[in-house]
Amino acid sequence: MRVVLVDDDEDDRMFFADALQEIDIDTELKEFHNGRELLTYLSAADKNLPQLIFLDLNMPVMNGFDCLKEIRKNPELKEIVVAIYSTSSSERDIEETFVNGANIYINKPNKFEELKKTIAQVVKRNWQYEENELNKANFLFRI
């Protein structure tokens, strides 16, 4: 599975990569520091699109809100699952990302085992089925 993480925090990227590596599923991880880097990558013609993007909200250059909107405007990217991956638990942030087409909202766990469990559940989820059943009640992911 092709997975992308977009997060400006180097420690968070390293923590995420370590957790993903320990999950029993074959993944290829690409990392970006902001939404602009991700969109540049996605617009390149010679790559395989990721199946799942973990997108932080608060980043320099282009934040996660603007990046999400750009992804959802592009018909070629509409099938990509976007998981908001943020420290924010603001109802406003959750609502805005839901309305703009994110598939799931995850608060960044502080503990490694919780992070590993969270990533495993999101990566192994059958998103084709989930997209048909998307509603606000199952949008906010909690462990």
C-alpha atoms as a PDB file:
ATOM      1  CA  MET A   1       0.000   0.000   0.000  1.00  0.00           C
ATOM      2  CA  ARG A   2       1.287   3.440  -0.937  1.00  0.00           C
ATOM      3  CA  VAL A   3       1.010   5.778   2.065  1.00  0.00           C
ATOM      4  CA  VAL A   4       1.911   9.457   2.299  1.00  0.00           C
ATOM      5  CA  LEU A   5       2.493  11.479   5.460  1.00  0.00           C
ATOM      6  CA  VAL A   6       2.381  15.270   5.254  1.00  0.00           C
ATOM      7  CA  ASP A   7       3.667  16.834   8.475  1.00  0.00           C
ATOM      8  CA  ASP A   8       6.146  19.628   9.165  1.00  0.00           C
ATOM      9  CA  ASP A   9       7.273  18.138  12.496  1.00  0.00           C
ATOM     10  CA  GLU A  10      10.311  15.901  12.014  1.00  0.00           C
ATOM     11  CA  ASP A  11       9.779  14.028  15.294  1.00  0.00           C
ATOM     12  CA  ASP A  12       6.158  13.275  14.381  1.00  0.00           C
ATOM     13  CA  ARG A  13       7.243  11.991  10.949  1.00  0.00           C
ATOM     14  CA  MET A  14       9.864   9.722  12.513  1.00  0.00           C
ATOM     15  CA  PHE A  15       7.408   8.452  15.160  1.00  0.00           C
ATOM     16  CA  PHE A  16       4.840   7.724  12.420  1.00  0.00           C
ATOM     17  CA  ALA A  17       7.353   5.968  10.133  1.00  0.00           C
ATOM     18  CA  ASP A  18       8.556   3.736  12.989  1.00  0.00           C
ATOM     19  CA  ALA A  19       4.973   2.776  13.875  1.00  0.00           C
ATOM     20  CA  LEU A  20       4.051   2.071  10.249  1.00  0.00           C
ATOM     21  CA  GLN A  21       7.117  -0.121   9.834  1.00  0.00           C
ATOM     22  CA  GLU A  22       6.015  -2.309  12.770  1.00  0.00           C
ATOM     23  CA  ILE A  23       2.582  -2.992  11.269  1.00  0.00           C
ATOM     24  CA  ASP A  24       2.156  -6.310   9.515  1.00  0.00           C
ATOM     25  CA  ILE A  25       1.255  -4.886   6.108  1.00  0.00           C
ATOM     26  CA  ASP A  26       3.450  -4.130   3.106  1.00  0.00           C
ATOM     27  CA  THR A  27       3.609  -0.333   2.767  1.00  0.00           C
ATOM     28  CA  GLU A  28       5.652   2.231   0.927  1.00  0.00           C
ATOM     29  CA  LEU A  29       5.855   5.551   2.803  1.00  0.00           C
ATOM     30  CA  LYS A  30       6.618   8.944   1.283  1.00  0.00           C
ATOM     31  CA  GLU A  31       6.936  11.994   3.523  1.00  0.00           C
ATOM     32  CA  PHE A  32       6.364  15.674   2.796  1.00  0.00           C
ATOM     33  CA  HIS A  33       6.796  18.789   4.969  1.00  0.00           C
ATOM     34  CA  ASN A  34       3.753  20.760   3.745  1.00  0.00           C
ATOM     35  CA  GLY A  35       0.772  20.682   1.429  1.00  0.00           C
ATOM     36  CA  ARG A  36       2.559  22.437  -1.430  1.00  0.00           C
ATOM     37  CA  GLU A  37       5.218  19.688  -1.569  1.00  0.00           C
ATOM     38  CA  LEU A  38       2.477  17.050  -1.643  1.00  0.00           C
ATOM     39  CA  LEU A  39       0.527  18.753  -4.440  1.00  0.00           C
ATOM     40  CA  THR A  40       3.705  19.130  -6.499  1.00  0.00           C
ATOM     41  CA  TYR A  41       4.340  15.402  -6.073  1.00  0.00           C
ATOM     42  CA  LEU A  42       0.735  14.464  -6.926  1.00  0.00           C
ATOM     43  CA  SER A  43       0.810  16.552 -10.093  1.00  0.00           C
ATOM     44  CA  ALA A  44       3.906  14.769 -11.439  1.00  0.00           C
ATOM     45  CA  ALA A  45       3.000  12.495 -14.345  1.00  0.00           C
ATOM     46  CA  ASP A  46       5.456   9.655 -13.695  1.00  0.00           C
ATOM     47  CA  LYS A  47       4.387   8.272 -10.317  1.00  0.00           C
ATOM     48  CA  ASN A  48       1.858   5.937  -8.730  1.00  0.00           C
ATOM     49  CA  LEU A  49      -0.678   7.839  -6.679  1.00  0.00           C
ATOM     50  CA  PRO A  50      -0.853   7.008  -2.996  1.00  0.00           C
ATOM     51  CA  GLN A  51      -3.883   5.139  -1.727  1.00  0.00           C
ATOM     52  CA  LEU A  52      -3.845   6.867   1.651  1.00  0.00           C
ATOM     53  CA  ILE A  53      -2.671  10.320   2.767  1.00  0.00           C
ATOM     54  CA  PHE A  54      -2.183  11.248   6.424  1.00  0.00           C
ATOM     55  CA  LEU A  55      -2.444  15.036   6.426  1.00  0.00           C
ATOM     56  CA  ASP A  56      -1.498  17.353   9.292  1.00  0.00           C
ATOM     57  CA  LEU A  57      -3.454  20.608   9.512  1.00  0.00           C
ATOM     58  CA  ASN A  58      -1.018  23.172  10.891  1.00  0.00           C
ATOM     59  CA  MET A  59       1.958  23.501   8.555  1.00  0.00           C
ATOM     60  CA  PRO A  60       3.862  26.352   6.927  1.00  0.00           C
ATOM     61  CA  VAL A  61       3.706  27.174   3.183  1.00  0.00           C
ATOM     62  CA  MET A  62       0.372  25.356   2.655  1.00  0.00           C
ATOM     63  CA  ASN A  63      -1.668  24.039   5.548  1.00  0.00           C
ATOM     64  CA  GLY A  64      -3.750  20.876   5.592  1.00  0.00           C
ATOM     65  CA  PHE A  65      -7.080  22.668   5.097  1.00  0.00           C
ATOM     66  CA  ASP A  66      -5.970  24.270   1.821  1.00  0.00           C
ATOM     67  CA  CYS A  67      -4.248  21.086   0.680  1.00  0.00           C
ATOM     68  CA  LEU A  68      -7.388  19.015   1.323  1.00  0.00           C
ATOM     69  CA  LYS A  69      -9.491  21.445  -0.718  1.00  0.00           C
ATOM     70  CA  GLU A  70      -7.035  21.240  -3.635  1.00  0.00           C
ATOM     71  CA  ILE A  71      -6.997  17.439  -3.534  1.00  0.00           C
ATOM     72  CA  ARG A  72     -10.793  17.233  -3.564  1.00  0.00           C
ATOM     73  CA  LYS A  73     -11.056  19.733  -6.459  1.00  0.00           C
ATOM     74  CA  ASN A  74      -8.961  17.456  -8.689  1.00  0.00           C
ATOM     75  CA  PRO A  75     -10.983  14.597 -10.283  1.00  0.00           C
ATOM     76  CA  GLU A  76      -7.805  12.515 -10.708  1.00  0.00           C
ATOM     77  CA  LEU A  77      -7.226  12.556  -6.932  1.00  0.00           C
ATOM     78  CA  LYS A  78     -10.785  12.019  -5.681  1.00  0.00           C
ATOM     79  CA  GLU A  79     -10.282   8.293  -4.952  1.00  0.00           C
ATOM     80  CA  ILE A  80      -7.373   8.894  -2.561  1.00  0.00           C
ATOM     81  CA  VAL A  81      -8.317   8.384   1.078  1.00  0.00           C
ATOM     82  CA  VAL A  82      -7.361  11.423   3.172  1.00  0.00           C
ATOM     83  CA  ALA A  83      -6.925  10.945   6.905  1.00  0.00           C
ATOM     84  CA  ILE A  84      -6.547  14.193   8.826  1.00  0.00           C
ATOM     85  CA  TYR A  85      -3.764  13.592  11.341  1.00  0.00           C
ATOM     86  CA  SER A  86      -3.597  16.473  13.801  1.00  0.00           C
ATOM     87  CA  THR A  87      -3.042  17.496  17.406  1.00  0.00           C
ATOM     88  CA  SER A  88      -6.117  19.731  17.138  1.00  0.00           C
ATOM     89  CA  SER A  89      -9.348  18.476  18.674  1.00  0.00           C
ATOM     90  CA  SER A  90     -11.238  21.643  17.778  1.00  0.00           C
ATOM     91  CA  GLU A  91     -14.842  21.014  16.702  1.00  0.00           C
ATOM     92  CA  ARG A  92     -14.383  23.698  14.065  1.00  0.00           C
ATOM     93  CA  ASP A  93     -11.368  21.893  12.553  1.00  0.00           C
ATOM     94  CA  ILE A  94     -13.200  18.557  12.606  1.00  0.00           C
ATOM     95  CA  GLU A  95     -16.277  20.069  10.966  1.00  0.00           C
ATOM     96  CA  GLU A  96     -14.292  21.930   8.300  1.00  0.00           C
ATOM     97  CA  THR A  97     -12.304  18.872   7.264  1.00  0.00           C
ATOM     98  CA  PHE A  98     -15.447  16.713   7.187  1.00  0.00           C
ATOM     99  CA  VAL A  99     -17.292  19.222   4.986  1.00  0.00           C
ATOM    100  CA  ASN A 100     -14.281  19.477   2.661  1.00  0.00           C
ATOM    101  CA  GLY A 101     -14.098  15.746   2.013  1.00  0.00           C
ATOM    102  CA  ALA A 102     -11.620  14.150   4.411  1.00  0.00           C
ATOM    103  CA  ASN A 103     -12.379  10.481   5.078  1.00  0.00           C
ATOM    104  CA  ILE A 104     -11.405  10.356   8.736  1.00  0.00           C
ATOM    105  CA  TYR A 105     -10.073  12.634  11.494  1.00  0.00           C
ATOM    106  CA  ILE A 106      -7.395  11.300  13.840  1.00  0.00           C
ATOM    107  CA  ASN A 107      -5.967  13.060  16.875  1.00  0.00           C
ATOM    108  CA  LYS A 108      -2.249  12.302  17.038  1.00  0.00           C
ATOM    109  CA  PRO A 109      -1.678   9.778  19.822  1.00  0.00           C
ATOM    110  CA  ASN A 110       1.106  10.534  22.335  1.00  0.00           C
ATOM    111  CA  LYS A 111       2.026   6.915  22.967  1.00  0.00           C
ATOM    112  CA  PHE A 112       3.776   4.715  20.423  1.00  0.00           C
ATOM    113  CA  GLU A 113       1.515   1.668  20.946  1.00  0.00           C
ATOM    114  CA  GLU A 114      -1.611   3.815  20.484  1.00  0.00           C
ATOM    115  CA  LEU A 115      -0.140   5.299  17.312  1.00  0.00           C
ATOM    116  CA  LYS A 116       0.688   1.856  15.964  1.00  0.00           C
ATOM    117  CA  LYS A 117      -2.820   0.591  16.722  1.00  0.00           C
ATOM    118  CA  THR A 118      -4.400   3.675  15.127  1.00  0.00           C
ATOM    119  CA  ILE A 119      -2.325   3.471  11.952  1.00  0.00           C
ATOM    120  CA  ALA A 120      -2.980  -0.267  11.648  1.00  0.00           C
ATOM    121  CA  GLN A 121      -6.748   0.215  11.866  1.00  0.00           C
ATOM    122  CA  VAL A 122      -6.755   3.039   9.323  1.00  0.00           C
ATOM    123  CA  VAL A 123      -4.422   1.275   6.866  1.00  0.00           C
ATOM    124  CA  LYS A 124      -6.323  -2.028   7.066  1.00  0.00           C
ATOM    125  CA  ARG A 125      -9.796  -0.469   6.769  1.00  0.00           C
ATOM    126  CA  ASN A 126     -11.826  -1.299   3.662  1.00  0.00           C
ATOM    127  CA  TRP A 127     -12.166   2.273   2.392  1.00  0.00           C
ATOM    128  CA  GLN A 128     -14.218   1.397  -0.660  1.00  0.00           C
ATOM    129  CA  TYR A 129     -17.023   0.281   1.659  1.00  0.00           C
ATOM    130  CA  GLU A 130     -16.418   3.088   4.157  1.00  0.00           C
ATOM    131  CA  GLU A 131     -16.785   5.855   1.566  1.00  0.00           C
ATOM    132  CA  ASN A 132     -20.348   4.741   0.913  1.00  0.00           C
ATOM    133  CA  GLU A 133     -21.101   4.831   4.632  1.00  0.00           C
ATOM    134  CA  LEU A 134     -19.293   8.091   5.495  1.00  0.00           C
ATOM    135  CA  ASN A 135     -21.090  10.162   8.075  1.00  0.00           C
ATOM    136  CA  LYS A 136     -20.168  12.519  10.864  1.00  0.00           C
ATOM    137  CA  ALA A 137     -20.699   9.838  13.526  1.00  0.00           C
ATOM    138  CA  ASN A 138     -17.845   7.661  12.237  1.00  0.00           C
ATOM    139  CA  PHE A 139     -15.599  10.476  11.007  1.00  0.00           C
ATOM    140  CA  LEU A 140     -13.715  11.179  14.275  1.00  0.00           C
ATOM    141  CA  PHE A 141     -11.506   8.182  15.029  1.00  0.00           C
ATOM    142  CA  ARG A 142     -10.893   7.302  18.663  1.00  0.00           C
ATOM    143  CA  ILE A 143      -8.895   4.477  20.262  1.00  0.00           C
END
